[in-house]
N, C-alpha and C. Protein backbone atom coordinates (compact mmCIF):
# COMPACT_ATOMS: atom_id res chain seq x y z
N UNK A 1 134.59 114.43 102.43
CA UNK A 1 134.77 114.02 103.83
C UNK A 1 135.87 112.97 103.90
N UNK A 2 136.54 112.89 105.03
CA UNK A 2 137.56 111.87 105.24
C UNK A 2 136.91 110.58 105.73
N UNK A 3 137.68 109.52 105.79
CA UNK A 3 137.16 108.22 106.17
C UNK A 3 136.52 108.25 107.56
N UNK A 4 137.15 108.95 108.50
CA UNK A 4 136.62 109.01 109.86
C UNK A 4 135.24 109.66 109.88
N UNK A 5 135.06 110.70 109.07
CA UNK A 5 133.76 111.38 109.02
C UNK A 5 132.72 110.49 108.35
N UNK A 6 133.12 109.79 107.29
CA UNK A 6 132.21 108.85 106.63
C UNK A 6 131.75 107.79 107.61
N UNK A 7 132.66 107.31 108.44
CA UNK A 7 132.33 106.32 109.45
C UNK A 7 131.34 106.88 110.47
N UNK A 8 131.60 108.11 110.91
CA UNK A 8 130.74 108.73 111.91
C UNK A 8 129.33 108.97 111.38
N UNK A 9 129.23 109.47 110.17
CA UNK A 9 127.92 109.79 109.59
C UNK A 9 127.12 108.53 109.27
N UNK A 10 127.80 107.48 108.88
CA UNK A 10 127.11 106.25 108.47
C UNK A 10 126.87 105.30 109.63
N UNK A 11 127.65 105.44 110.70
CA UNK A 11 127.55 104.50 111.80
C UNK A 11 128.24 103.18 111.51
N UNK A 12 129.05 103.15 110.46
CA UNK A 12 129.78 101.95 110.08
C UNK A 12 131.25 102.13 110.48
N UNK A 13 131.81 101.14 111.12
CA UNK A 13 133.18 101.26 111.62
C UNK A 13 134.16 101.40 110.46
N UNK A 14 135.30 102.02 110.75
CA UNK A 14 136.33 102.19 109.73
C UNK A 14 136.83 100.86 109.19
N UNK A 15 137.10 99.85 110.03
CA UNK A 15 137.53 98.55 109.48
C UNK A 15 136.49 97.94 108.54
N UNK A 16 135.20 98.10 108.86
CA UNK A 16 134.17 97.55 107.99
C UNK A 16 134.13 98.30 106.66
N UNK A 17 134.27 99.62 106.70
CA UNK A 17 134.31 100.39 105.45
C UNK A 17 135.50 99.95 104.60
N UNK A 18 136.65 99.76 105.23
CA UNK A 18 137.83 99.31 104.48
C UNK A 18 137.59 97.94 103.87
N UNK A 19 136.86 97.08 104.59
CA UNK A 19 136.53 95.76 104.05
C UNK A 19 135.63 95.90 102.82
N UNK A 20 134.62 96.78 102.90
CA UNK A 20 133.73 97.00 101.76
C UNK A 20 134.51 97.56 100.56
N UNK A 21 135.49 98.41 100.84
CA UNK A 21 136.33 98.94 99.76
C UNK A 21 137.13 97.83 99.10
N UNK A 22 137.70 96.95 99.90
CA UNK A 22 138.49 95.83 99.35
C UNK A 22 137.62 94.90 98.52
N UNK A 23 136.37 94.70 98.98
CA UNK A 23 135.46 93.78 98.30
C UNK A 23 134.72 94.45 97.14
N UNK A 24 135.07 95.70 96.85
CA UNK A 24 134.50 96.46 95.74
C UNK A 24 132.99 96.67 95.88
N UNK A 25 132.54 96.74 97.12
CA UNK A 25 131.14 97.08 97.38
C UNK A 25 130.97 98.59 97.46
N UNK A 26 132.06 99.27 97.74
CA UNK A 26 132.07 100.72 97.87
C UNK A 26 133.15 101.25 96.92
N UNK A 27 132.81 102.21 96.06
CA UNK A 27 133.83 102.73 95.14
C UNK A 27 134.92 103.47 95.91
N UNK A 28 136.13 103.47 95.39
CA UNK A 28 137.24 104.15 96.10
C UNK A 28 137.00 105.65 96.13
N UNK A 29 137.53 106.28 97.17
CA UNK A 29 137.44 107.73 97.28
C UNK A 29 138.47 108.41 96.37
N UNK A 30 138.36 109.72 96.30
CA UNK A 30 139.31 110.50 95.50
C UNK A 30 140.63 110.61 96.27
N UNK A 31 141.70 110.12 95.66
CA UNK A 31 142.99 110.04 96.34
C UNK A 31 143.54 111.44 96.61
N UNK A 32 143.82 111.73 97.88
CA UNK A 32 144.38 113.02 98.28
C UNK A 32 145.90 112.91 98.47
N UNK A 33 146.33 111.86 99.18
CA UNK A 33 147.75 111.58 99.37
C UNK A 33 147.94 110.08 99.18
N UNK A 34 149.13 109.61 99.41
CA UNK A 34 149.39 108.18 99.25
C UNK A 34 148.60 107.34 100.24
N UNK A 35 148.21 107.93 101.36
CA UNK A 35 147.54 107.17 102.41
C UNK A 35 146.13 107.68 102.74
N UNK A 36 145.69 108.75 102.10
CA UNK A 36 144.39 109.32 102.43
C UNK A 36 143.55 109.55 101.18
N UNK A 37 142.24 109.39 101.35
CA UNK A 37 141.30 109.62 100.25
C UNK A 37 140.13 110.44 100.77
N UNK A 38 139.41 111.06 99.86
CA UNK A 38 138.27 111.89 100.20
C UNK A 38 136.99 111.25 99.66
N UNK A 39 135.94 111.32 100.46
CA UNK A 39 134.67 110.69 100.09
C UNK A 39 133.57 111.75 100.04
N UNK A 40 132.46 111.43 99.36
CA UNK A 40 131.38 112.40 99.25
C UNK A 40 130.04 111.74 99.59
N UNK A 41 128.96 112.46 99.31
CA UNK A 41 127.63 111.97 99.67
C UNK A 41 127.27 110.69 98.93
N UNK A 42 127.81 110.49 97.73
CA UNK A 42 127.51 109.26 96.99
C UNK A 42 128.06 108.04 97.72
N UNK A 43 129.20 108.20 98.38
CA UNK A 43 129.75 107.09 99.17
C UNK A 43 128.88 106.80 100.39
N UNK A 44 128.38 107.85 101.00
CA UNK A 44 127.51 107.67 102.17
C UNK A 44 126.22 106.96 101.76
N UNK A 45 125.65 107.36 100.63
CA UNK A 45 124.43 106.74 100.13
C UNK A 45 124.67 105.27 99.79
N UNK A 46 125.80 105.00 99.11
CA UNK A 46 126.11 103.63 98.74
C UNK A 46 126.38 102.77 99.96
N UNK A 47 127.04 103.34 100.95
CA UNK A 47 127.33 102.60 102.17
C UNK A 47 126.05 102.17 102.86
N UNK A 48 125.05 103.04 102.87
CA UNK A 48 123.76 102.69 103.47
C UNK A 48 123.08 101.58 102.69
N UNK A 49 123.22 101.61 101.36
CA UNK A 49 122.63 100.55 100.53
C UNK A 49 123.32 99.22 100.79
N UNK A 50 124.65 99.26 100.90
CA UNK A 50 125.40 98.03 101.19
C UNK A 50 124.95 97.43 102.51
N UNK A 51 124.78 98.27 103.51
CA UNK A 51 124.33 97.77 104.82
C UNK A 51 122.93 97.18 104.74
N UNK A 52 122.08 97.80 103.93
CA UNK A 52 120.72 97.28 103.76
C UNK A 52 120.76 95.90 103.10
N UNK A 53 121.59 95.75 102.09
CA UNK A 53 121.69 94.47 101.40
C UNK A 53 122.22 93.38 102.33
N UNK A 54 123.30 93.67 103.03
CA UNK A 54 123.99 92.65 103.81
C UNK A 54 123.33 92.40 105.16
N UNK A 55 122.96 93.45 105.86
CA UNK A 55 122.42 93.28 107.21
C UNK A 55 120.93 92.98 107.22
N UNK A 56 120.17 93.70 106.41
CA UNK A 56 118.71 93.49 106.40
C UNK A 56 118.32 92.40 105.43
N UNK A 57 118.86 92.49 104.21
CA UNK A 57 118.49 91.51 103.19
C UNK A 57 119.22 90.20 103.29
N UNK A 58 120.25 90.14 104.15
CA UNK A 58 121.05 88.92 104.32
C UNK A 58 121.65 88.46 102.99
N UNK A 59 122.02 89.43 102.16
CA UNK A 59 122.60 89.12 100.85
C UNK A 59 124.09 88.83 101.02
N UNK A 60 124.59 87.71 100.51
CA UNK A 60 126.03 87.43 100.61
C UNK A 60 126.86 88.51 99.92
N UNK A 61 128.08 88.67 100.38
CA UNK A 61 128.94 89.72 99.84
C UNK A 61 129.13 89.57 98.33
N UNK A 62 129.37 88.35 97.86
CA UNK A 62 129.58 88.14 96.43
C UNK A 62 128.34 88.53 95.63
N UNK A 63 127.16 88.22 96.17
CA UNK A 63 125.92 88.59 95.48
C UNK A 63 125.72 90.10 95.51
N UNK A 64 126.01 90.71 96.65
CA UNK A 64 125.90 92.16 96.76
C UNK A 64 126.81 92.84 95.74
N UNK A 65 128.00 92.30 95.53
CA UNK A 65 128.93 92.86 94.55
C UNK A 65 128.33 92.78 93.15
N UNK A 66 127.67 91.68 92.84
CA UNK A 66 127.03 91.51 91.53
C UNK A 66 125.87 92.49 91.35
N UNK A 67 125.08 92.65 92.40
CA UNK A 67 123.97 93.60 92.35
C UNK A 67 124.48 95.01 92.10
N UNK A 68 125.51 95.41 92.84
CA UNK A 68 126.03 96.77 92.74
C UNK A 68 126.75 97.00 91.41
N UNK A 69 127.33 95.95 90.84
CA UNK A 69 127.94 96.09 89.51
C UNK A 69 126.89 96.45 88.48
N UNK A 70 125.70 95.84 88.60
CA UNK A 70 124.61 96.18 87.69
C UNK A 70 124.11 97.60 87.93
N UNK A 71 124.06 97.99 89.20
CA UNK A 71 123.64 99.36 89.54
C UNK A 71 124.56 100.38 88.87
N UNK A 72 125.85 100.09 88.82
CA UNK A 72 126.83 101.05 88.31
C UNK A 72 127.07 100.95 86.80
N UNK A 73 126.43 100.01 86.14
CA UNK A 73 126.67 99.81 84.70
C UNK A 73 125.85 100.81 83.89
N UNK A 74 126.44 101.98 83.62
CA UNK A 74 125.71 103.02 82.92
C UNK A 74 125.64 102.79 81.42
N UNK A 75 126.16 101.64 80.94
CA UNK A 75 126.00 101.31 79.52
C UNK A 75 124.62 100.73 79.24
N UNK A 76 123.88 100.40 80.31
CA UNK A 76 122.55 99.82 80.17
C UNK A 76 121.48 100.88 80.31
N UNK A 77 120.36 100.67 79.64
CA UNK A 77 119.20 101.53 79.85
C UNK A 77 118.64 101.29 81.23
N UNK A 78 117.75 102.21 81.68
CA UNK A 78 117.28 102.13 83.06
C UNK A 78 116.55 100.82 83.34
N UNK A 79 115.67 100.40 82.43
CA UNK A 79 114.90 99.18 82.68
C UNK A 79 115.81 97.96 82.81
N UNK A 80 116.77 97.83 81.87
CA UNK A 80 117.69 96.69 81.91
C UNK A 80 118.60 96.79 83.12
N UNK A 81 119.01 97.99 83.44
CA UNK A 81 119.91 98.21 84.58
C UNK A 81 119.22 97.82 85.88
N UNK A 82 117.97 98.27 86.05
CA UNK A 82 117.21 97.91 87.25
C UNK A 82 116.96 96.42 87.27
N UNK A 83 116.59 95.86 86.12
CA UNK A 83 116.30 94.42 86.06
C UNK A 83 117.51 93.59 86.42
N UNK A 84 118.68 93.97 85.88
CA UNK A 84 119.90 93.21 86.16
C UNK A 84 120.23 93.26 87.65
N UNK A 85 120.05 94.42 88.25
CA UNK A 85 120.34 94.56 89.68
C UNK A 85 119.38 93.73 90.52
N UNK A 86 118.09 93.80 90.19
CA UNK A 86 117.09 93.08 90.98
C UNK A 86 117.17 91.57 90.75
N UNK A 87 117.49 91.17 89.52
CA UNK A 87 117.61 89.74 89.24
C UNK A 87 118.78 89.12 89.97
N UNK A 88 119.79 89.93 90.30
CA UNK A 88 120.96 89.41 90.99
C UNK A 88 120.70 89.14 92.47
N UNK A 89 119.59 89.66 93.00
CA UNK A 89 119.25 89.40 94.39
C UNK A 89 118.95 87.91 94.60
N UNK A 90 119.17 87.39 95.80
CA UNK A 90 118.89 85.96 96.06
C UNK A 90 117.45 85.60 95.75
N UNK A 91 117.26 84.41 95.18
CA UNK A 91 115.94 83.93 94.80
C UNK A 91 115.65 82.60 95.51
N UNK A 92 114.39 82.31 95.79
CA UNK A 92 114.05 81.03 96.45
C UNK A 92 114.19 79.87 95.48
N UNK A 93 114.23 78.64 95.99
CA UNK A 93 114.31 77.46 95.12
C UNK A 93 113.12 77.41 94.16
N UNK A 94 113.34 76.80 92.99
CA UNK A 94 112.30 76.72 91.98
C UNK A 94 111.80 75.29 91.85
N UNK A 95 110.52 75.18 91.46
CA UNK A 95 109.91 73.86 91.25
C UNK A 95 110.42 73.25 89.95
N UNK A 96 110.48 71.91 89.87
CA UNK A 96 110.89 71.26 88.62
C UNK A 96 109.96 71.63 87.47
N UNK A 97 110.51 71.91 86.30
CA UNK A 97 109.71 72.35 85.16
C UNK A 97 108.72 71.29 84.70
N UNK A 98 109.08 70.01 84.84
CA UNK A 98 108.21 68.94 84.33
C UNK A 98 107.17 68.49 85.34
N UNK A 99 107.14 69.10 86.52
CA UNK A 99 106.13 68.78 87.52
C UNK A 99 104.77 69.23 86.99
N UNK A 100 103.74 68.36 87.03
CA UNK A 100 102.41 68.75 86.52
C UNK A 100 101.88 70.02 87.17
N UNK A 101 102.14 70.20 88.45
CA UNK A 101 101.68 71.42 89.12
C UNK A 101 102.38 72.65 88.57
N UNK A 102 103.66 72.49 88.21
CA UNK A 102 104.41 73.61 87.63
C UNK A 102 103.87 73.94 86.24
N UNK A 103 103.57 72.93 85.46
CA UNK A 103 103.02 73.14 84.12
C UNK A 103 101.68 73.89 84.21
N UNK A 104 100.84 73.46 85.15
CA UNK A 104 99.54 74.11 85.34
C UNK A 104 99.72 75.55 85.80
N UNK A 105 100.65 75.77 86.74
CA UNK A 105 100.89 77.12 87.25
C UNK A 105 101.46 78.02 86.16
N UNK A 106 102.34 77.49 85.32
CA UNK A 106 102.90 78.27 84.22
C UNK A 106 101.81 78.73 83.27
N UNK A 107 100.89 77.85 82.98
CA UNK A 107 99.77 78.19 82.11
C UNK A 107 98.91 79.29 82.73
N UNK A 108 98.66 79.20 84.03
CA UNK A 108 97.84 80.20 84.72
C UNK A 108 98.54 81.56 84.72
N UNK A 109 99.85 81.57 84.97
CA UNK A 109 100.60 82.82 84.99
C UNK A 109 100.64 83.45 83.60
N UNK A 110 100.83 82.62 82.57
CA UNK A 110 100.86 83.14 81.21
C UNK A 110 99.52 83.75 80.82
N UNK A 111 98.43 83.10 81.21
CA UNK A 111 97.10 83.65 80.92
C UNK A 111 96.90 84.97 81.66
N UNK A 112 97.38 85.01 82.89
CA UNK A 112 97.27 86.23 83.68
C UNK A 112 97.99 87.39 82.98
N UNK A 113 99.22 87.18 82.55
CA UNK A 113 100.00 88.23 81.90
C UNK A 113 99.33 88.68 80.62
N UNK A 114 98.73 87.74 79.91
CA UNK A 114 98.03 88.09 78.67
C UNK A 114 96.81 88.95 78.97
N UNK A 115 96.03 88.57 79.98
CA UNK A 115 94.83 89.34 80.33
C UNK A 115 95.20 90.74 80.83
N UNK A 116 96.31 90.85 81.53
CA UNK A 116 96.74 92.14 82.07
C UNK A 116 97.34 93.04 81.00
N UNK A 117 97.77 92.45 79.90
CA UNK A 117 98.46 93.22 78.88
C UNK A 117 99.89 93.54 79.25
N UNK A 118 100.49 92.71 80.10
CA UNK A 118 101.88 92.91 80.52
C UNK A 118 102.78 92.24 79.48
N UNK A 119 102.94 92.89 78.34
CA UNK A 119 103.62 92.27 77.20
C UNK A 119 105.10 92.03 77.46
N UNK A 120 105.76 92.95 78.16
CA UNK A 120 107.18 92.76 78.44
C UNK A 120 107.40 91.56 79.34
N UNK A 121 106.57 91.42 80.36
CA UNK A 121 106.68 90.27 81.26
C UNK A 121 106.45 88.97 80.51
N UNK A 122 105.50 88.99 79.57
CA UNK A 122 105.24 87.78 78.77
C UNK A 122 106.43 87.46 77.89
N UNK A 123 107.02 88.50 77.30
CA UNK A 123 108.15 88.28 76.39
C UNK A 123 109.36 87.74 77.13
N UNK A 124 109.63 88.30 78.30
CA UNK A 124 110.79 87.85 79.09
C UNK A 124 110.52 86.46 79.66
N UNK A 125 109.30 86.25 80.16
CA UNK A 125 108.89 84.94 80.64
C UNK A 125 109.82 84.34 81.68
N UNK A 126 110.21 83.11 81.45
CA UNK A 126 110.97 82.37 82.45
C UNK A 126 112.40 82.86 82.62
N UNK A 127 112.85 83.81 81.79
CA UNK A 127 114.16 84.41 82.02
C UNK A 127 114.15 85.24 83.30
N UNK A 128 112.96 85.69 83.70
CA UNK A 128 112.83 86.52 84.89
C UNK A 128 112.71 85.68 86.15
N UNK A 129 113.55 85.92 87.15
CA UNK A 129 113.41 85.21 88.43
C UNK A 129 112.05 85.47 89.07
N UNK A 130 111.49 86.65 88.88
CA UNK A 130 110.18 86.96 89.47
C UNK A 130 109.10 86.08 88.85
N UNK A 131 109.17 85.88 87.56
CA UNK A 131 108.22 84.99 86.87
C UNK A 131 108.35 83.57 87.41
N UNK A 132 109.58 83.09 87.49
CA UNK A 132 109.79 81.71 87.94
C UNK A 132 109.36 81.53 89.39
N UNK A 133 109.62 82.53 90.23
CA UNK A 133 109.21 82.45 91.63
C UNK A 133 107.68 82.44 91.74
N UNK A 134 107.01 83.26 90.94
CA UNK A 134 105.55 83.28 90.95
C UNK A 134 104.99 81.92 90.53
N UNK A 135 105.56 81.35 89.48
CA UNK A 135 105.11 80.02 89.03
C UNK A 135 105.30 78.99 90.14
N UNK A 136 106.46 79.00 90.77
CA UNK A 136 106.74 78.03 91.84
C UNK A 136 105.76 78.18 92.99
N UNK A 137 105.47 79.43 93.37
CA UNK A 137 104.56 79.68 94.49
C UNK A 137 103.14 79.26 94.16
N UNK A 138 102.69 79.59 92.96
CA UNK A 138 101.34 79.19 92.52
C UNK A 138 101.24 77.67 92.47
N UNK A 139 102.27 77.02 91.97
CA UNK A 139 102.26 75.56 91.90
C UNK A 139 102.17 74.95 93.30
N UNK A 140 102.89 75.52 94.25
CA UNK A 140 102.86 75.01 95.63
C UNK A 140 101.48 75.18 96.25
N UNK A 141 100.87 76.35 96.04
CA UNK A 141 99.53 76.60 96.57
C UNK A 141 98.52 75.62 95.98
N UNK A 142 98.59 75.43 94.68
CA UNK A 142 97.66 74.50 94.04
C UNK A 142 97.87 73.07 94.54
N UNK A 143 99.12 72.70 94.73
CA UNK A 143 99.43 71.35 95.20
C UNK A 143 98.87 71.11 96.60
N UNK A 144 98.82 72.18 97.40
CA UNK A 144 98.31 72.07 98.77
C UNK A 144 96.79 72.21 98.85
N UNK A 145 96.17 72.44 97.70
CA UNK A 145 94.72 72.54 97.67
C UNK A 145 94.17 73.94 97.78
N UNK A 146 95.05 74.96 97.78
CA UNK A 146 94.60 76.35 97.82
C UNK A 146 94.62 76.91 96.41
N UNK A 147 93.48 76.80 95.73
CA UNK A 147 93.40 77.15 94.32
C UNK A 147 93.93 78.57 94.08
N UNK A 148 94.85 78.66 93.15
CA UNK A 148 95.47 79.95 92.84
C UNK A 148 95.69 80.04 91.34
N UNK A 149 94.59 80.19 90.60
CA UNK A 149 94.66 80.31 89.15
C UNK A 149 94.57 81.75 88.71
N UNK A 150 94.34 81.93 87.42
CA UNK A 150 94.25 83.28 86.86
C UNK A 150 93.16 84.12 87.53
N UNK A 151 91.95 83.59 87.76
CA UNK A 151 90.91 84.42 88.40
C UNK A 151 91.31 84.90 89.79
N UNK A 152 91.99 84.04 90.55
CA UNK A 152 92.39 84.43 91.91
C UNK A 152 93.55 85.44 91.89
N UNK A 153 94.41 85.34 90.89
CA UNK A 153 95.58 86.21 90.82
C UNK A 153 95.26 87.60 90.28
N UNK A 154 94.26 87.69 89.42
CA UNK A 154 94.00 88.95 88.70
C UNK A 154 93.75 90.14 89.62
N UNK A 155 92.88 90.03 90.66
CA UNK A 155 92.68 91.21 91.52
C UNK A 155 93.95 91.69 92.20
N UNK A 156 94.79 90.74 92.65
CA UNK A 156 96.05 91.12 93.28
C UNK A 156 96.97 91.83 92.28
N UNK A 157 97.01 91.29 91.07
CA UNK A 157 97.88 91.87 90.04
C UNK A 157 97.45 93.29 89.71
N UNK A 158 96.14 93.53 89.67
CA UNK A 158 95.65 94.88 89.37
C UNK A 158 96.09 95.87 90.45
N UNK A 159 96.02 95.45 91.70
CA UNK A 159 96.47 96.31 92.79
C UNK A 159 97.98 96.55 92.70
N UNK A 160 98.73 95.48 92.39
CA UNK A 160 100.18 95.61 92.30
C UNK A 160 100.59 96.50 91.13
N UNK A 161 99.78 96.54 90.10
CA UNK A 161 100.09 97.43 88.98
C UNK A 161 100.06 98.89 89.42
N UNK A 162 99.10 99.23 90.26
CA UNK A 162 99.04 100.59 90.77
C UNK A 162 100.21 100.88 91.71
N UNK A 163 100.58 99.88 92.51
CA UNK A 163 101.75 100.03 93.40
C UNK A 163 103.00 100.26 92.56
N UNK A 164 103.15 99.48 91.48
CA UNK A 164 104.33 99.61 90.63
C UNK A 164 104.40 100.98 89.97
N UNK A 165 103.26 101.50 89.53
CA UNK A 165 103.23 102.83 88.94
C UNK A 165 103.69 103.88 89.95
N UNK A 166 103.23 103.72 91.19
CA UNK A 166 103.65 104.64 92.25
C UNK A 166 105.15 104.51 92.51
N UNK A 167 105.65 103.28 92.49
CA UNK A 167 107.09 103.05 92.70
C UNK A 167 107.91 103.78 91.64
N UNK A 168 107.52 103.63 90.38
CA UNK A 168 108.27 104.26 89.29
C UNK A 168 108.19 105.78 89.38
N UNK A 169 107.02 106.27 89.75
CA UNK A 169 106.89 107.73 89.94
C UNK A 169 107.86 108.22 91.01
N UNK A 170 108.01 107.46 92.09
CA UNK A 170 108.92 107.86 93.17
C UNK A 170 110.37 107.84 92.70
N UNK A 171 110.73 106.85 91.87
CA UNK A 171 112.10 106.78 91.37
C UNK A 171 112.45 108.02 90.57
N UNK A 172 111.47 108.57 89.86
CA UNK A 172 111.73 109.76 89.04
C UNK A 172 112.04 111.00 89.87
N UNK A 173 111.84 110.92 91.17
CA UNK A 173 112.16 112.08 92.02
C UNK A 173 113.65 112.17 92.33
N UNK A 174 114.40 111.09 92.04
CA UNK A 174 115.84 111.11 92.30
C UNK A 174 116.55 111.74 91.10
N UNK A 175 117.51 112.61 91.34
CA UNK A 175 118.10 113.38 90.24
C UNK A 175 119.00 112.59 89.31
N UNK A 176 119.76 111.62 89.83
CA UNK A 176 120.73 110.90 89.00
C UNK A 176 120.26 109.48 88.72
N UNK A 177 120.70 108.95 87.56
CA UNK A 177 120.27 107.63 87.15
C UNK A 177 120.71 106.56 88.15
N UNK A 178 121.94 106.66 88.64
CA UNK A 178 122.43 105.66 89.58
C UNK A 178 121.61 105.68 90.86
N UNK A 179 121.14 106.85 91.28
CA UNK A 179 120.31 106.95 92.48
C UNK A 179 118.97 106.25 92.27
N UNK A 180 118.43 106.35 91.07
CA UNK A 180 117.15 105.70 90.77
C UNK A 180 117.29 104.18 90.90
N UNK A 181 118.40 103.64 90.36
CA UNK A 181 118.60 102.18 90.43
C UNK A 181 118.90 101.75 91.86
N UNK A 182 119.70 102.55 92.57
CA UNK A 182 119.97 102.24 93.99
C UNK A 182 118.66 102.22 94.78
N UNK A 183 117.79 103.18 94.50
CA UNK A 183 116.51 103.24 95.21
C UNK A 183 115.64 102.03 94.91
N UNK A 184 115.69 101.55 93.67
CA UNK A 184 114.91 100.36 93.31
C UNK A 184 115.41 99.13 94.06
N UNK A 185 116.73 99.02 94.19
CA UNK A 185 117.30 97.89 94.93
C UNK A 185 116.97 98.00 96.41
N UNK A 186 117.11 99.20 96.97
CA UNK A 186 116.79 99.40 98.38
C UNK A 186 115.32 99.08 98.65
N UNK A 187 114.45 99.47 97.71
CA UNK A 187 113.02 99.19 97.88
C UNK A 187 112.75 97.70 97.88
N UNK A 188 113.47 96.96 97.02
CA UNK A 188 113.27 95.51 96.97
C UNK A 188 113.64 94.85 98.28
N UNK A 189 114.66 95.38 98.94
CA UNK A 189 115.13 94.79 100.20
C UNK A 189 114.34 95.30 101.40
N UNK A 190 114.05 96.61 101.40
CA UNK A 190 113.47 97.25 102.58
C UNK A 190 111.98 97.54 102.45
N UNK A 191 111.52 97.90 101.25
CA UNK A 191 110.14 98.35 101.12
C UNK A 191 109.17 97.20 100.95
N UNK A 192 109.61 96.11 100.33
CA UNK A 192 108.70 94.97 100.16
C UNK A 192 108.22 94.43 101.50
N UNK A 193 109.08 94.33 102.53
CA UNK A 193 108.56 93.94 103.86
C UNK A 193 107.53 94.92 104.40
N UNK A 194 107.69 96.21 104.07
CA UNK A 194 106.70 97.21 104.50
C UNK A 194 105.35 96.91 103.87
N UNK A 195 105.34 96.61 102.58
CA UNK A 195 104.09 96.28 101.89
C UNK A 195 103.45 95.03 102.50
N UNK A 196 104.28 94.05 102.83
CA UNK A 196 103.75 92.82 103.42
C UNK A 196 103.11 93.09 104.77
N UNK A 197 103.78 93.90 105.61
CA UNK A 197 103.23 94.20 106.93
C UNK A 197 101.97 95.05 106.84
N UNK A 198 101.92 95.97 105.87
CA UNK A 198 100.71 96.75 105.67
C UNK A 198 99.55 95.84 105.27
N UNK A 199 99.84 94.85 104.43
CA UNK A 199 98.80 93.89 104.04
C UNK A 199 98.28 93.12 105.25
N UNK A 200 99.20 92.68 106.11
CA UNK A 200 98.78 91.91 107.28
C UNK A 200 97.99 92.78 108.26
N UNK A 201 98.43 94.02 108.44
CA UNK A 201 97.68 94.92 109.32
C UNK A 201 96.29 95.19 108.76
N UNK A 202 96.21 95.35 107.44
CA UNK A 202 94.91 95.57 106.81
C UNK A 202 94.00 94.36 106.99
N UNK A 203 94.58 93.16 106.90
CA UNK A 203 93.80 91.94 107.13
C UNK A 203 93.28 91.88 108.56
N UNK A 204 94.13 92.25 109.50
CA UNK A 204 93.71 92.26 110.90
C UNK A 204 92.56 93.24 111.11
N UNK A 205 92.70 94.42 110.50
CA UNK A 205 91.68 95.45 110.65
C UNK A 205 90.35 95.01 110.06
N UNK A 206 90.38 94.49 108.85
CA UNK A 206 89.13 94.10 108.18
C UNK A 206 88.52 92.85 108.81
N UNK A 207 89.38 91.98 109.33
CA UNK A 207 88.86 90.81 110.03
C UNK A 207 88.11 91.24 111.29
N UNK A 208 88.68 92.19 112.02
CA UNK A 208 88.03 92.68 113.24
C UNK A 208 86.71 93.37 112.90
N UNK A 209 86.69 94.14 111.82
CA UNK A 209 85.47 94.83 111.43
C UNK A 209 84.38 93.84 111.03
N UNK A 210 84.78 92.78 110.37
CA UNK A 210 83.80 91.82 109.85
C UNK A 210 83.37 90.80 110.90
N UNK A 211 84.34 90.32 111.68
CA UNK A 211 84.04 89.22 112.61
C UNK A 211 84.09 89.64 114.06
N UNK A 212 84.55 90.85 114.36
CA UNK A 212 84.64 91.29 115.73
C UNK A 212 85.89 90.80 116.43
N UNK A 213 86.02 91.20 117.70
CA UNK A 213 87.19 90.83 118.48
C UNK A 213 86.83 90.02 119.73
N UNK A 214 85.66 89.42 119.71
CA UNK A 214 85.23 88.65 120.89
C UNK A 214 86.14 87.46 121.12
N UNK A 215 86.39 87.15 122.40
CA UNK A 215 87.22 86.02 122.79
C UNK A 215 86.33 84.98 123.44
N UNK A 216 86.36 83.76 122.89
CA UNK A 216 85.55 82.68 123.44
C UNK A 216 86.24 82.07 124.65
N UNK A 217 85.53 81.99 125.75
CA UNK A 217 86.08 81.41 126.97
C UNK A 217 85.36 80.10 127.29
N UNK A 218 86.10 79.16 127.85
CA UNK A 218 85.49 77.90 128.25
C UNK A 218 84.62 78.10 129.49
């Protein structure tokens, strides 16, 4: 397809596509003439991912470029490739390592990983932004008086393990390796909010079933 058709199918303006090409967020098309190039479905798919990162995920352009570089690095195995792409996504601030609450939370998370048998997560440990974010969040909850130790985390982790298995099964439905990694990144940006909203809707439903919907009037 030509640039105009790529723009029409994606809903992204031609100037914006040219900007993404300059910023190396979108791979160049196959050169047809000195001034024209041809694009295919992989460009359309990548363009949608770029829009998801920048518009929905609010990922800065430089960070998006880093994420997509990991997506395209076929010298890496799938696990490392997916990890590099996901680790490049923006992360929240982390708690100081020497904070007593952080030390306590780190111990709770390590015990959790041991009980779950998540050996890779234990081995990677604090190198993983997900590990560090979990520690920071647990430390904050504990500091505020909302106990969040290994016993409280374990049921959630067991449910998330089943979700993760389903996620990986879905990735295997994509034919090409790069599509699998792109799908993992898109899921991190787009699907995680879906899981959060489903959790909140489920809470509303079970709260209504347990406590009812009566409104107290003065």
